[in-house]
Structure formats: C-alpha cells, structure tokens
Amino acid sequence: MHFMFLILAVLLYLVVWGLFHTNPKGVPAAHLLIYNIVVLAVAVVIGPIVGYYLYLDASVVKAHEKGLAGYLGIMAGGTAFLIIVAAAGMVRNLVVFPLGKRQAETTAGPAQAEADPPQ
C-alpha cells in the first residue's frame, strides 16, 4: 500500500511538471499561465470529489473495512487528478492553442543566417 502511494506521488509530480514544461511555443506566456492555473484548480476540486464519492460507496459496501475504503478513495482521487491534468494538457496543445493560432518563431541563430544568405 505504501508503495502505491509513492507511485501516485511520483506520477502526480511528473504530470504537473509535464503540464508546465510542454507549453506550446508561440503563445503568450500569460495565456498559458492562466490556462495551467485553471486546469490545476479544476483538478484540485474534482479529484477529491471523485475520491470522496468512491470512499462513501466503498464504506457502505464493506462497512467493516474503512481502511480499504480510504485507500481506494485516495487512489481514485489522485487518478482523477492525473487524468484531468493530462487530458487538459493535450487539449491545450491540440485544441485551445492549435498550430494555426500560434505565432511563428523567429529564432535563427548565426549559423542559420550564414547558411542562408540573402539573394
């Protein structure tokens, strides 16, 4: 059980880290920050609701095993959080800020400038 909590904690860290480090390029940083904060706020609200619902259901079905119900609630809430953040990251990159809405990057280095002289 402790190992599963450790795995959940590592996955939570990696998904949140991935949300902030896979931002699409060519989009204003303020818009990305607002979107990421809203996603985290929604996930923080919905995750515990899902976990609590499963906890209530499991504690009614097996009333004598409250520990298992708590474990299931925590794992379900964490999994809901993971799914929401991961799905929102994909929606951000593919739907909210698609390639057509992004600004073109103009970061040509000196090697690129020498390779393509003006004609």
PDB file of N, CA and C in Angstrom:
ATOM      1  N   MET A   1       0.827  -1.184   0.000  1.00  0.00           N
ATOM      2  CA  MET A   1       0.000   0.000   0.000  1.00  0.00           C
ATOM      3  C   MET A   1       0.876   1.254   0.000  1.00  0.00           C
ATOM      4  N   HIS A   2       1.952   1.234   0.769  1.00  0.00           N
ATOM      5  CA  HIS A   2       2.821   2.405   0.830  1.00  0.00           C
ATOM      6  C   HIS A   2       3.511   2.635  -0.512  1.00  0.00           C
ATOM      7  N   PHE A   3       3.857   1.545  -1.181  1.00  0.00           N
ATOM      8  CA  PHE A   3       4.497   1.659  -2.478  1.00  0.00           C
ATOM      9  C   PHE A   3       3.548   2.296  -3.491  1.00  0.00           C
ATOM     10  N   MET A   4       2.264   1.961  -3.415  1.00  0.00           N
ATOM     11  CA  MET A   4       1.285   2.550  -4.333  1.00  0.00           C
ATOM     12  C   MET A   4       1.121   4.044  -4.086  1.00  0.00           C
ATOM     13  N   PHE A   5       1.179   4.475  -2.829  1.00  0.00           N
ATOM     14  CA  PHE A   5       1.124   5.908  -2.539  1.00  0.00           C
ATOM     15  C   PHE A   5       2.356   6.608  -3.091  1.00  0.00           C
ATOM     16  N   LEU A   6       3.499   5.959  -2.994  1.00  0.00           N
ATOM     17  CA  LEU A   6       4.727   6.530  -3.530  1.00  0.00           C
ATOM     18  C   LEU A   6       4.637   6.657  -5.058  1.00  0.00           C
ATOM     19  N   ILE A   7       4.123   5.629  -5.704  1.00  0.00           N
ATOM     20  CA  ILE A   7       3.947   5.692  -7.154  1.00  0.00           C
ATOM     21  C   ILE A   7       2.978   6.811  -7.523  1.00  0.00           C
ATOM     22  N   LEU A   8       1.888   6.944  -6.779  1.00  0.00           N
ATOM     23  CA  LEU A   8       0.917   8.006  -7.048  1.00  0.00           C
ATOM     24  C   LEU A   8       1.563   9.377  -6.882  1.00  0.00           C
ATOM     25  N   ALA A   9       2.359   9.553  -5.833  1.00  0.00           N
ATOM     26  CA  ALA A   9       3.020  10.841  -5.610  1.00  0.00           C
ATOM     27  C   ALA A   9       3.985  11.173  -6.749  1.00  0.00           C
ATOM     28  N   VAL A  10       4.741  10.194  -7.202  1.00  0.00           N
ATOM     29  CA  VAL A  10       5.675  10.421  -8.307  1.00  0.00           C
ATOM     30  C   VAL A  10       4.906  10.764  -9.585  1.00  0.00           C
ATOM     31  N   LEU A  11       3.828  10.043  -9.854  1.00  0.00           N
ATOM     32  CA  LEU A  11       3.024  10.330 -11.039  1.00  0.00           C
ATOM     33  C   LEU A  11       2.390  11.718 -10.967  1.00  0.00           C
ATOM     34  N   LEU A  12       1.906  12.106  -9.794  1.00  0.00           N
ATOM     35  CA  LEU A  12       1.341  13.451  -9.634  1.00  0.00           C
ATOM     36  C   LEU A  12       2.394  14.508  -9.947  1.00  0.00           C
ATOM     37  N   TYR A  13       3.600  14.320  -9.420  1.00  0.00           N
ATOM     38  CA  TYR A  13       4.677  15.267  -9.678  1.00  0.00           C
ATOM     39  C   TYR A  13       4.998  15.329 -11.167  1.00  0.00           C
ATOM     40  N   LEU A  14       5.138  14.174 -11.811  1.00  0.00           N
ATOM     41  CA  LEU A  14       5.511  14.143 -13.224  1.00  0.00           C
ATOM     42  C   LEU A  14       4.442  14.763 -14.122  1.00  0.00           C
ATOM     43  N   VAL A  15       3.183  14.531 -13.809  1.00  0.00           N
ATOM     44  CA  VAL A  15       2.117  15.089 -14.645  1.00  0.00           C
ATOM     45  C   VAL A  15       2.039  16.609 -14.484  1.00  0.00           C
ATOM     46  N   VAL A  16       2.171  17.105 -13.268  1.00  0.00           N
ATOM     47  CA  VAL A  16       2.145  18.562 -13.065  1.00  0.00           C
ATOM     48  C   VAL A  16       3.382  19.194 -13.699  1.00  0.00           C
ATOM     49  N   TRP A  17       4.540  18.560 -13.538  1.00  0.00           N
ATOM     50  CA  TRP A  17       5.757  19.056 -14.175  1.00  0.00           C
ATOM     51  C   TRP A  17       5.582  19.077 -15.688  1.00  0.00           C
ATOM     52  N   GLY A  18       5.016  18.003 -16.239  1.00  0.00           N
ATOM     53  CA  GLY A  18       4.799  17.928 -17.675  1.00  0.00           C
ATOM     54  C   GLY A  18       3.828  18.979 -18.184  1.00  0.00           C
ATOM     55  N   LEU A  19       2.820  19.309 -17.381  1.00  0.00           N
ATOM     56  CA  LEU A  19       1.864  20.338 -17.788  1.00  0.00           C
ATOM     57  C   LEU A  19       2.572  21.668 -18.003  1.00  0.00           C
ATOM     58  N   PHE A  20       3.498  22.009 -17.125  1.00  0.00           N
ATOM     59  CA  PHE A  20       4.165  23.300 -17.215  1.00  0.00           C
ATOM     60  C   PHE A  20       5.367  23.287 -18.158  1.00  0.00           C
ATOM     61  N   HIS A  21       5.897  22.119 -18.492  1.00  0.00           N
ATOM     62  CA  HIS A  21       7.075  22.069 -19.349  1.00  0.00           C
ATOM     63  C   HIS A  21       6.782  21.632 -20.783  1.00  0.00           C
ATOM     64  N   THR A  22       5.544  21.439 -21.122  1.00  0.00           N
ATOM     65  CA  THR A  22       5.185  21.130 -22.506  1.00  0.00           C
ATOM     66  C   THR A  22       4.307  22.223 -23.091  1.00  0.00           C
ATOM     67  N   ASN A  23       4.534  23.447 -22.641  1.00  0.00           N
ATOM     68  CA  ASN A  23       3.777  24.571 -23.172  1.00  0.00           C
ATOM     69  C   ASN A  23       4.082  24.744 -24.653  1.00  0.00           C
ATOM     70  N   PRO A  24       3.058  25.019 -25.457  1.00  0.00           N
ATOM     71  CA  PRO A  24       3.312  25.250 -26.884  1.00  0.00           C
ATOM     72  C   PRO A  24       4.070  26.558 -27.081  1.00  0.00           C
ATOM     73  N   LYS A  25       4.957  26.564 -28.049  1.00  0.00           N
ATOM     74  CA  LYS A  25       5.734  27.763 -28.349  1.00  0.00           C
ATOM     75  C   LYS A  25       4.925  28.681 -29.253  1.00  0.00           C
ATOM     76  N   GLY A  26       5.143  29.972 -29.126  1.00  0.00           N
ATOM     77  CA  GLY A  26       4.434  30.936 -29.950  1.00  0.00           C
ATOM     78  C   GLY A  26       3.112  31.387 -29.366  1.00  0.00           C
ATOM     79  N   VAL A  27       2.879  31.103 -28.089  1.00  0.00           N
ATOM     80  CA  VAL A  27       1.645  31.510 -27.408  1.00  0.00           C
ATOM     81  C   VAL A  27       2.044  32.434 -26.261  1.00  0.00           C
ATOM     82  N   PRO A  28       1.293  33.513 -26.035  1.00  0.00           N
ATOM     83  CA  PRO A  28       1.650  34.410 -24.924  1.00  0.00           C
ATOM     84  C   PRO A  28       1.726  33.662 -23.588  1.00  0.00           C
ATOM     85  N   ALA A  29       2.772  33.958 -22.836  1.00  0.00           N
ATOM     86  CA  ALA A  29       3.015  33.263 -21.568  1.00  0.00           C
ATOM     87  C   ALA A  29       1.883  33.499 -20.573  1.00  0.00           C
ATOM     88  N   ALA A  30       1.280  34.680 -20.602  1.00  0.00           N
ATOM     89  CA  ALA A  30       0.190  34.972 -19.663  1.00  0.00           C
ATOM     90  C   ALA A  30      -1.014  34.062 -19.928  1.00  0.00           C
ATOM     91  N   HIS A  31      -1.338  33.829 -21.200  1.00  0.00           N
ATOM     92  CA  HIS A  31      -2.473  32.955 -21.526  1.00  0.00           C
ATOM     93  C   HIS A  31      -2.194  31.518 -21.091  1.00  0.00           C
ATOM     94  N   LEU A  32      -0.963  31.071 -21.294  1.00  0.00           N
ATOM     95  CA  LEU A  32      -0.608  29.720 -20.864  1.00  0.00           C
ATOM     96  C   LEU A  32      -0.676  29.577 -19.354  1.00  0.00           C
ATOM     97  N   LEU A  33      -0.179  30.578 -18.636  1.00  0.00           N
ATOM     98  CA  LEU A  33      -0.202  30.511 -17.179  1.00  0.00           C
ATOM     99  C   LEU A  33      -1.636  30.484 -16.651  1.00  0.00           C
ATOM    100  N   ILE A  34      -2.496  31.305 -17.224  1.00  0.00           N
ATOM    101  CA  ILE A  34      -3.906  31.320 -16.805  1.00  0.00           C
ATOM    102  C   ILE A  34      -4.540  29.959 -17.071  1.00  0.00           C
ATOM    103  N   TYR A  35      -4.309  29.403 -18.248  1.00  0.00           N
ATOM    104  CA  TYR A  35      -4.881  28.098 -18.583  1.00  0.00           C
ATOM    105  C   TYR A  35      -4.375  27.023 -17.623  1.00  0.00           C
ATOM    106  N   ASN A  36      -3.070  26.999 -17.364  1.00  0.00           N
ATOM    107  CA  ASN A  36      -2.491  25.985 -16.484  1.00  0.00           C
ATOM    108  C   ASN A  36      -3.022  26.103 -15.054  1.00  0.00           C
ATOM    109  N   ILE A  37      -3.171  27.322 -14.566  1.00  0.00           N
ATOM    110  CA  ILE A  37      -3.688  27.529 -13.203  1.00  0.00           C
ATOM    111  C   ILE A  37      -5.152  27.077 -13.119  1.00  0.00           C
ATOM    112  N   VAL A  38      -5.938  27.399 -14.136  1.00  0.00           N
ATOM    113  CA  VAL A  38      -7.349  26.977 -14.143  1.00  0.00           C
ATOM    114  C   VAL A  38      -7.446  25.453 -14.183  1.00  0.00           C
ATOM    115  N   VAL A  39      -6.604  24.819 -14.979  1.00  0.00           N
ATOM    116  CA  VAL A  39      -6.604  23.354 -15.052  1.00  0.00           C
ATOM    117  C   VAL A  39      -6.283  22.752 -13.693  1.00  0.00           C
ATOM    118  N   LEU A  40      -5.252  23.270 -13.043  1.00  0.00           N
ATOM    119  CA  LEU A  40      -4.896  22.747 -11.718  1.00  0.00           C
ATOM    120  C   LEU A  40      -6.001  22.992 -10.701  1.00  0.00           C
ATOM    121  N   ALA A  41      -6.642  24.150 -10.770  1.00  0.00           N
ATOM    122  CA  ALA A  41      -7.729  24.442  -9.826  1.00  0.00           C
ATOM    123  C   ALA A  41      -8.898  23.477 -10.036  1.00  0.00           C
ATOM    124  N   VAL A  42      -9.247  23.225 -11.286  1.00  0.00           N
ATOM    125  CA  VAL A  42     -10.346  22.290 -11.575  1.00  0.00           C
ATOM    126  C   VAL A  42      -9.981  20.881 -11.103  1.00  0.00           C
ATOM    127  N   ALA A  43      -8.740  20.469 -11.358  1.00  0.00           N
ATOM    128  CA  ALA A  43      -8.308  19.129 -10.945  1.00  0.00           C
ATOM    129  C   ALA A  43      -8.271  18.994  -9.429  1.00  0.00           C
ATOM    130  N   VAL A  44      -7.872  20.065  -8.735  1.00  0.00           N
ATOM    131  CA  VAL A  44      -7.820  20.018  -7.270  1.00  0.00           C
ATOM    132  C   VAL A  44      -9.229  19.944  -6.685  1.00  0.00           C
ATOM    133  N   VAL A  45     -10.197  20.503  -7.361  1.00  0.00           N
ATOM    134  CA  VAL A  45     -11.578  20.439  -6.870  1.00  0.00           C
ATOM    135  C   VAL A  45     -12.224  19.090  -7.218  1.00  0.00           C
ATOM    136  N   ILE A  46     -12.073  18.641  -8.444  1.00  0.00           N
ATOM    137  CA  ILE A  46     -12.763  17.430  -8.892  1.00  0.00           C
ATOM    138  C   ILE A  46     -12.122  16.161  -8.339  1.00  0.00           C
ATOM    139  N   GLY A  47     -10.799  16.120  -8.223  1.00  0.00           N
ATOM    140  CA  GLY A  47     -10.116  14.933  -7.715  1.00  0.00           C
ATOM    141  C   GLY A  47     -10.625  14.481  -6.358  1.00  0.00           C
ATOM    142  N   PRO A  48     -10.630  15.356  -5.352  1.00  0.00           N
ATOM    143  CA  PRO A  48     -11.159  14.931  -4.052  1.00  0.00           C
ATOM    144  C   PRO A  48     -12.648  14.584  -4.059  1.00  0.00           C
ATOM    145  N   ILE A  49     -13.424  15.225  -4.919  1.00  0.00           N
ATOM    146  CA  ILE A  49     -14.846  14.882  -5.006  1.00  0.00           C
ATOM    147  C   ILE A  49     -15.009  13.442  -5.488  1.00  0.00           C
ATOM    148  N   VAL A  50     -14.246  13.072  -6.510  1.00  0.00           N
ATOM    149  CA  VAL A  50     -14.294  11.697  -7.019  1.00  0.00           C
ATOM    150  C   VAL A  50     -13.829  10.723  -5.943  1.00  0.00           C
ATOM    151  N   GLY A  51     -12.727  11.068  -5.266  1.00  0.00           N
ATOM    152  CA  GLY A  51     -12.216  10.204  -4.206  1.00  0.00           C
ATOM    153  C   GLY A  51     -13.195  10.037  -3.063  1.00  0.00           C
ATOM    154  N   TYR A  52     -13.844  11.119  -2.668  1.00  0.00           N
ATOM    155  CA  TYR A  52     -14.797  11.043  -1.565  1.00  0.00           C
ATOM    156  C   TYR A  52     -16.017  10.219  -1.953  1.00  0.00           C
ATOM    157  N   TYR A  53     -16.461  10.372  -3.218  1.00  0.00           N
ATOM    158  CA  TYR A  53     -17.603   9.581  -3.685  1.00  0.00           C
ATOM    159  C   TYR A  53     -17.274   8.086  -3.645  1.00  0.00           C
ATOM    160  N   LEU A  54     -16.083   7.734  -4.099  1.00  0.00           N
ATOM    161  CA  LEU A  54     -15.703   6.321  -4.061  1.00  0.00           C
ATOM    162  C   LEU A  54     -15.525   5.846  -2.624  1.00  0.00           C
ATOM    163  N   TYR A  55     -14.994   6.703  -1.757  1.00  0.00           N
ATOM    164  CA  TYR A  55     -14.848   6.344  -0.344  1.00  0.00           C
ATOM    165  C   TYR A  55     -16.213   6.044   0.277  1.00  0.00           C
ATOM    166  N   LEU A  56     -17.188   6.913   0.020  1.00  0.00           N
ATOM    167  CA  LEU A  56     -18.534   6.680   0.565  1.00  0.00           C
ATOM    168  C   LEU A  56     -19.132   5.382   0.040  1.00  0.00           C
ATOM    169  N   ASP A  57     -18.969   5.144  -1.247  1.00  0.00           N
ATOM    170  CA  ASP A  57     -19.514   3.925  -1.835  1.00  0.00           C
ATOM    171  C   ASP A  57     -18.843   2.681  -1.253  1.00  0.00           C
ATOM    172  N   ALA A  58     -17.518   2.714  -1.135  1.00  0.00           N
ATOM    173  CA  ALA A  58     -16.791   1.550  -0.613  1.00  0.00           C
ATOM    174  C   ALA A  58     -17.069   1.333   0.866  1.00  0.00           C
ATOM    175  N   SER A  59     -17.260   2.412   1.627  1.00  0.00           N
ATOM    176  CA  SER A  59     -17.525   2.241   3.057  1.00  0.00           C
ATOM    177  C   SER A  59     -18.938   1.733   3.316  1.00  0.00           C
ATOM    178  N   VAL A  60     -19.861   1.936   2.385  1.00  0.00           N
ATOM    179  CA  VAL A  60     -21.204   1.390   2.525  1.00  0.00           C
ATOM    180  C   VAL A  60     -21.212  -0.088   2.148  1.00  0.00           C
ATOM    181  N   VAL A  61     -20.495  -0.425   1.084  1.00  0.00           N
ATOM    182  CA  VAL A  61     -20.474  -1.808   0.619  1.00  0.00           C
ATOM    183  C   VAL A  61     -19.768  -2.705   1.634  1.00  0.00           C
ATOM    184  N   LYS A  62     -18.615  -2.258   2.120  1.00  0.00           N
ATOM    185  CA  LYS A  62     -17.862  -3.039   3.113  1.00  0.00           C
ATOM    186  C   LYS A  62     -17.625  -2.148   4.325  1.00  0.00           C
ATOM    187  N   ALA A  63     -18.627  -2.064   5.167  1.00  0.00           N
ATOM    188  CA  ALA A  63     -18.580  -1.146   6.305  1.00  0.00           C
ATOM    189  C   ALA A  63     -17.491  -1.506   7.308  1.00  0.00           C
ATOM    190  N   HIS A  64     -17.088  -2.740   7.387  1.00  0.00           N
ATOM    191  CA  HIS A  64     -16.093  -3.160   8.369  1.00  0.00           C
ATOM    192  C   HIS A  64     -14.658  -2.914   7.883  1.00  0.00           C
ATOM    193  N   GLU A  65     -14.472  -2.459   6.641  1.00  0.00           N
ATOM    194  CA  GLU A  65     -13.133  -2.207   6.106  1.00  0.00           C
ATOM    195  C   GLU A  65     -12.979  -0.733   5.737  1.00  0.00           C
ATOM    196  N   LYS A  66     -12.923   0.136   6.724  1.00  0.00           N
ATOM    197  CA  LYS A  66     -12.791   1.577   6.484  1.00  0.00           C
ATOM    198  C   LYS A  66     -11.420   1.926   5.899  1.00  0.00           C
ATOM    199  N   GLY A  67     -10.388   1.172   6.284  1.00  0.00           N
ATOM    200  CA  GLY A  67      -9.047   1.450   5.763  1.00  0.00           C
ATOM    201  C   GLY A  67      -8.962   1.254   4.262  1.00  0.00           C
ATOM    202  N   LEU A  68      -9.573   0.179   3.792  1.00  0.00           N
ATOM    203  CA  LEU A  68      -9.578  -0.078   2.359  1.00  0.00           C
ATOM    204  C   LEU A  68     -10.385   0.988   1.624  1.00  0.00           C
ATOM    205  N   ALA A  69     -11.476   1.411   2.208  1.00  0.00           N
ATOM    206  CA  ALA A  69     -12.292   2.456   1.583  1.00  0.00           C
ATOM    207  C   ALA A  69     -11.498   3.764   1.475  1.00  0.00           C
ATOM    208  N   GLY A  70     -10.756   4.103   2.523  1.00  0.00           N
ATOM    209  CA  GLY A  70      -9.923   5.307   2.476  1.00  0.00           C
ATOM    210  C   GLY A  70      -8.835   5.205   1.428  1.00  0.00           C
ATOM    211  N   TYR A  71      -8.208   4.046   1.351  1.00  0.00           N
ATOM    212  CA  TYR A  71      -7.162   3.817   0.350  1.00  0.00           C
ATOM    213  C   TYR A  71      -7.726   3.963  -1.058  1.00  0.00           C
ATOM    214  N   LEU A  72      -8.872   3.338  -1.300  1.00  0.00           N
ATOM    215  CA  LEU A  72      -9.493   3.430  -2.623  1.00  0.00           C
ATOM    216  C   LEU A  72      -9.882   4.862  -2.957  1.00  0.00           C
ATOM    217  N   GLY A  73     -10.374   5.591  -1.969  1.00  0.00           N
ATOM    218  CA  GLY A  73     -10.745   6.989  -2.200  1.00  0.00           C
ATOM    219  C   GLY A  73      -9.550   7.843  -2.565  1.00  0.00           C
ATOM    220  N   ILE A  74      -8.440   7.658  -1.871  1.00  0.00           N
ATOM    221  CA  ILE A  74      -7.233   8.435  -2.164  1.00  0.00           C
ATOM    222  C   ILE A  74      -6.695   8.099  -3.551  1.00  0.00           C
ATOM    223  N   MET A  75      -6.643   6.824  -3.856  1.00  0.00           N
ATOM    224  CA  MET A  75      -6.123   6.425  -5.160  1.00  0.00           C
ATOM    225  C   MET A  75      -7.044   6.898  -6.294  1.00  0.00           C
ATOM    226  N   ALA A  76      -8.352   6.830  -6.097  1.00  0.00           N
ATOM    227  CA  ALA A  76      -9.285   7.273  -7.138  1.00  0.00           C
ATOM    228  C   ALA A  76      -9.218   8.788  -7.316  1.00  0.00           C
ATOM    229  N   GLY A  77      -9.119   9.524  -6.221  1.00  0.00           N
ATOM    230  CA  GLY A  77      -8.996  10.973  -6.327  1.00  0.00           C
ATOM    231  C   GLY A  77      -7.710  11.380  -7.023  1.00  0.00           C
ATOM    232  N   GLY A  78      -6.610  10.707  -6.685  1.00  0.00           N
ATOM    233  CA  GLY A  78      -5.341  11.002  -7.349  1.00  0.00           C
ATOM    234  C   GLY A  78      -5.369  10.650  -8.823  1.00  0.00           C
ATOM    235  N   THR A  79      -6.012   9.536  -9.144  1.00  0.00           N
ATOM    236  CA  THR A  79      -6.114   9.138 -10.544  1.00  0.00           C
ATOM    237  C   THR A  79      -6.985  10.109 -11.326  1.00  0.00           C
ATOM    238  N   ALA A  80      -8.064  10.574 -10.730  1.00  0.00           N
ATOM    239  CA  ALA A  80      -8.905  11.569 -11.394  1.00  0.00           C
ATOM    240  C   ALA A  80      -8.113  12.849 -11.650  1.00  0.00           C
ATOM    241  N   PHE A  81      -7.315  13.271 -10.660  1.00  0.00           N
ATOM    242  CA  PHE A  81      -6.460  14.441 -10.823  1.00  0.00           C
ATOM    243  C   PHE A  81      -5.498  14.234 -11.990  1.00  0.00           C
ATOM    244  N   LEU A  82      -4.857  13.058 -12.043  1.00  0.00           N
ATOM    245  CA  LEU A  82      -3.909  12.760 -13.121  1.00  0.00           C
ATOM    246  C   LEU A  82      -4.581  12.817 -14.489  1.00  0.00           C
ATOM    247  N   ILE A  83      -5.741  12.211 -14.604  1.00  0.00           N
ATOM    248  CA  ILE A  83      -6.440  12.160 -15.888  1.00  0.00           C
ATOM    249  C   ILE A  83      -6.847  13.555 -16.334  1.00  0.00           C
ATOM    250  N   ILE A  84      -7.359  14.368 -15.410  1.00  0.00           N
ATOM    251  CA  ILE A  84      -7.790  15.722 -15.760  1.00  0.00           C
ATOM    252  C   ILE A  84      -6.612  16.555 -16.237  1.00  0.00           C
ATOM    253  N   VAL A  85      -5.498  16.522 -15.510  1.00  0.00           N
ATOM    254  CA  VAL A  85      -4.345  17.347 -15.875  1.00  0.00           C
ATOM    255  C   VAL A  85      -3.733  16.862 -17.192  1.00  0.00           C
ATOM    256  N   ALA A  86      -3.593  15.561 -17.368  1.00  0.00           N
ATOM    257  CA  ALA A  86      -3.008  15.042 -18.608  1.00  0.00           C
ATOM    258  C   ALA A  86      -3.904  15.348 -19.815  1.00  0.00           C
ATOM    259  N   ALA A  87      -5.201  15.138 -19.660  1.00  0.00           N
ATOM    260  CA  ALA A  87      -6.119  15.414 -20.765  1.00  0.00           C
ATOM    261  C   ALA A  87      -6.161  16.908 -21.080  1.00  0.00           C
ATOM    262  N   ALA A  88      -6.136  17.741 -20.064  1.00  0.00           N
ATOM    263  CA  ALA A  88      -6.157  19.190 -20.283  1.00  0.00           C
ATOM    264  C   ALA A  88      -4.881  19.656 -20.975  1.00  0.00           C
ATOM    265  N   GLY A  89      -3.754  19.020 -20.684  1.00  0.00           N
ATOM    266  CA  GLY A  89      -2.520  19.367 -21.375  1.00  0.00           C
ATOM    267  C   GLY A  89      -2.601  19.039 -22.857  1.00  0.00           C
ATOM    268  N   MET A  90      -3.182  17.895 -23.189  1.00  0.00           N
ATOM    269  CA  MET A  90      -3.345  17.541 -24.603  1.00  0.00           C
ATOM    270  C   MET A  90      -4.349  18.470 -25.287  1.00  0.00           C
ATOM    271  N   VAL A  91      -5.446  18.786 -24.610  1.00  0.00           N
ATOM    272  CA  VAL A  91      -6.442  19.702 -25.178  1.00  0.00           C
ATOM    273  C   VAL A  91      -5.821  21.074 -25.385  1.00  0.00           C
ATOM    274  N   ARG A  92      -4.985  21.507 -24.449  1.00  0.00           N
ATOM    275  CA  ARG A  92      -4.320  22.810 -24.581  1.00  0.00           C
ATOM    276  C   ARG A  92      -3.477  22.855 -25.847  1.00  0.00           C
ATOM    277  N   ASN A  93      -2.688  21.819 -26.083  1.00  0.00           N
ATOM    278  CA  ASN A  93      -1.769  21.834 -27.213  1.00  0.00           C
ATOM    279  C   ASN A  93      -2.448  21.578 -28.555  1.00  0.00           C
ATOM    280  N   LEU A  94      -3.563  20.862 -28.552  1.00  0.00           N
ATOM    281  CA  LEU A  94      -4.190  20.489 -29.818  1.00  0.00           C
ATOM    282  C   LEU A  94      -5.439  21.299 -30.166  1.00  0.00           C
ATOM    283  N   VAL A  95      -6.171  21.799 -29.156  1.00  0.00           N
ATOM    284  CA  VAL A  95      -7.446  22.460 -29.428  1.00  0.00           C
ATOM    285  C   VAL A  95      -7.421  23.937 -29.041  1.00  0.00           C
ATOM    286  N   VAL A  96      -7.016  24.241 -27.817  1.00  0.00           N
ATOM    287  CA  VAL A  96      -7.069  25.627 -27.337  1.00  0.00           C
ATOM    288  C   VAL A  96      -6.037  26.489 -28.054  1.00  0.00           C
ATOM    289  N   PHE A  97      -4.814  25.976 -28.180  1.00  0.00           N
ATOM    290  CA  PHE A  97      -3.742  26.695 -28.869  1.00  0.00           C
ATOM    291  C   PHE A  97      -3.215  25.835 -30.021  1.00  0.00           C
ATOM    292  N   PRO A  98      -4.014  25.631 -31.076  1.00  0.00           N
ATOM    293  CA  PRO A  98      -3.547  24.788 -32.188  1.00  0.00           C
ATOM    294  C   PRO A  98      -2.424  25.487 -32.962  1.00  0.00           C
ATOM    295  N   LEU A  99      -1.787  24.749 -33.823  1.00  0.00           N
ATOM    296  CA  LEU A  99      -0.663  25.300 -34.586  1.00  0.00           C
ATOM    297  C   LEU A  99      -1.059  26.533 -35.389  1.00  0.00           C
ATOM    298  N   GLY A 100      -2.272  26.581 -35.887  1.00  0.00           N
ATOM    299  CA  GLY A 100      -2.721  27.721 -36.691  1.00  0.00           C
ATOM    300  C   GLY A 100      -2.823  29.016 -35.903  1.00  0.00           C
ATOM    301  N   LYS A 101      -3.013  28.955 -34.598  1.00  0.00           N
ATOM    302  CA  LYS A 101      -3.156  30.155 -33.776  1.00  0.00           C
ATOM    303  C   LYS A 101      -1.838  30.610 -33.159  1.00  0.00           C
ATOM    304  N   ARG A 102      -0.800  29.839 -33.336  1.00  0.00           N
ATOM    305  CA  ARG A 102       0.486  30.190 -32.733  1.00  0.00           C
ATOM    306  C   ARG A 102       1.263  31.116 -33.655  1.00  0.00           C
ATOM    307  N   GLN A 103       2.099  31.965 -33.026  1.00  0.00           N
ATOM    308  CA  GLN A 103       2.959  32.852 -33.801  1.00  0.00           C
ATOM    309  C   GLN A 103       4.172  32.075 -34.268  1.00  0.00           C
ATOM    310  N   ALA A 104       4.664  32.420 -35.436  1.00  0.00           N
ATOM    311  CA  ALA A 104       5.861  31.758 -35.958  1.00  0.00           C
ATOM    312  C   ALA A 104       7.070  32.194 -35.149  1.00  0.00           C
ATOM    313  N   GLU A 105       7.951  31.259 -34.909  1.00  0.00           N
ATOM    314  CA  GLU A 105       9.168  31.569 -34.154  1.00  0.00           C
ATOM    315  C   GLU A 105      10.214  32.118 -35.102  1.00  0.00           C
ATOM    316  N   THR A 106      10.918  33.137 -34.660  1.00  0.00           N
ATOM    317  CA  THR A 106      11.966  33.748 -35.475  1.00  0.00           C
ATOM    318  C   THR A 106      13.283  33.724 -34.718  1.00  0.00           C
ATOM    319  N   THR A 107      13.685  32.580 -34.275  1.00  0.00           N
ATOM    320  CA  THR A 107      14.920  32.462 -33.511  1.00  0.00           C
ATOM    321  C   THR A 107      15.982  31.779 -34.365  1.00  0.00           C
ATOM    322  N   ALA A 108      16.442  32.467 -35.406  1.00  0.00           N
ATOM    323  CA  ALA A 108      17.504  31.934 -36.246  1.00  0.00           C
ATOM    324  C   ALA A 108      18.837  32.359 -35.651  1.00  0.00           C
ATOM    325  N   GLY A 109      19.667  31.406 -35.426  1.00  0.00           N
ATOM    326  CA  GLY A 109      20.977  31.681 -34.852  1.00  0.00           C
ATOM    327  C   GLY A 109      21.946  32.142 -35.924  1.00  0.00           C
ATOM    328  N   PRO A 110      23.185  32.492 -35.534  1.00  0.00           N
ATOM    329  CA  PRO A 110      24.168  32.962 -36.511  1.00  0.00           C
ATOM    330  C   PRO A 110      24.511  31.894 -37.547  1.00  0.00           C
ATOM    331  N   ALA A 111      24.505  30.624 -37.175  1.00  0.00           N
ATOM    332  CA  ALA A 111      24.806  29.563 -38.135  1.00  0.00           C
ATOM    333  C   ALA A 111      23.723  29.491 -39.202  1.00  0.00           C
ATOM    334  N   GLN A 112      22.482  29.694 -38.827  1.00  0.00           N
ATOM    335  CA  GLN A 112      21.379  29.671 -39.783  1.00  0.00           C
ATOM    336  C   GLN A 112      21.470  30.878 -40.707  1.00  0.00           C
ATOM    337  N   ALA A 113      21.845  32.027 -40.189  1.00  0.00           N
ATOM    338  CA  ALA A 113      21.943  33.232 -41.003  1.00  0.00           C
ATOM    339  C   ALA A 113      23.061  33.087 -42.036  1.00  0.00           C
ATOM    340  N   GLU A 114      24.177  32.450 -41.704  1.00  0.00           N
ATOM    341  CA  GLU A 114      25.276  32.249 -42.637  1.00  0.00           C
ATOM    342  C   GLU A 114      24.926  31.195 -43.674  1.00  0.00           C
ATOM    343  N   ALA A 115      24.139  30.204 -43.287  1.00  0.00           N
ATOM    344  CA  ALA A 115      23.795  29.125 -44.215  1.00  0.00           C
ATOM    345  C   ALA A 115      22.836  29.590 -45.300  1.00  0.00           C
ATOM    346  N   ASP A 116      21.974  30.551 -45.004  1.00  0.00           N
ATOM    347  CA  ASP A 116      21.007  31.054 -45.968  1.00  0.00           C
ATOM    348  C   ASP A 116      21.259  32.536 -46.227  1.00  0.00           C
ATOM    349  N   PRO A 117      22.228  32.875 -47.081  1.00  0.00           N
ATOM    350  CA  PRO A 117      22.488  34.302 -47.352  1.00  0.00           C
ATOM    351  C   PRO A 117      21.358  34.899 -48.180  1.00  0.00           C
ATOM    352  N   PRO A 118      21.089  36.194 -48.014  1.00  0.00           N
ATOM    353  CA  PRO A 118      20.029  36.839 -48.796  1.00  0.00           C
ATOM    354  C   PRO A 118      20.423  36.906 -50.269  1.00  0.00           C
ATOM    355  N   GLN A 119      19.437  36.833 -51.159  1.00  0.00           N
ATOM    356  CA  GLN A 119      19.728  36.829 -52.599  1.00  0.00           C
ATOM    357  C   GLN A 119      19.152  38.043 -53.264  1.00  0.00           C
TER     358      GLN A 119
END
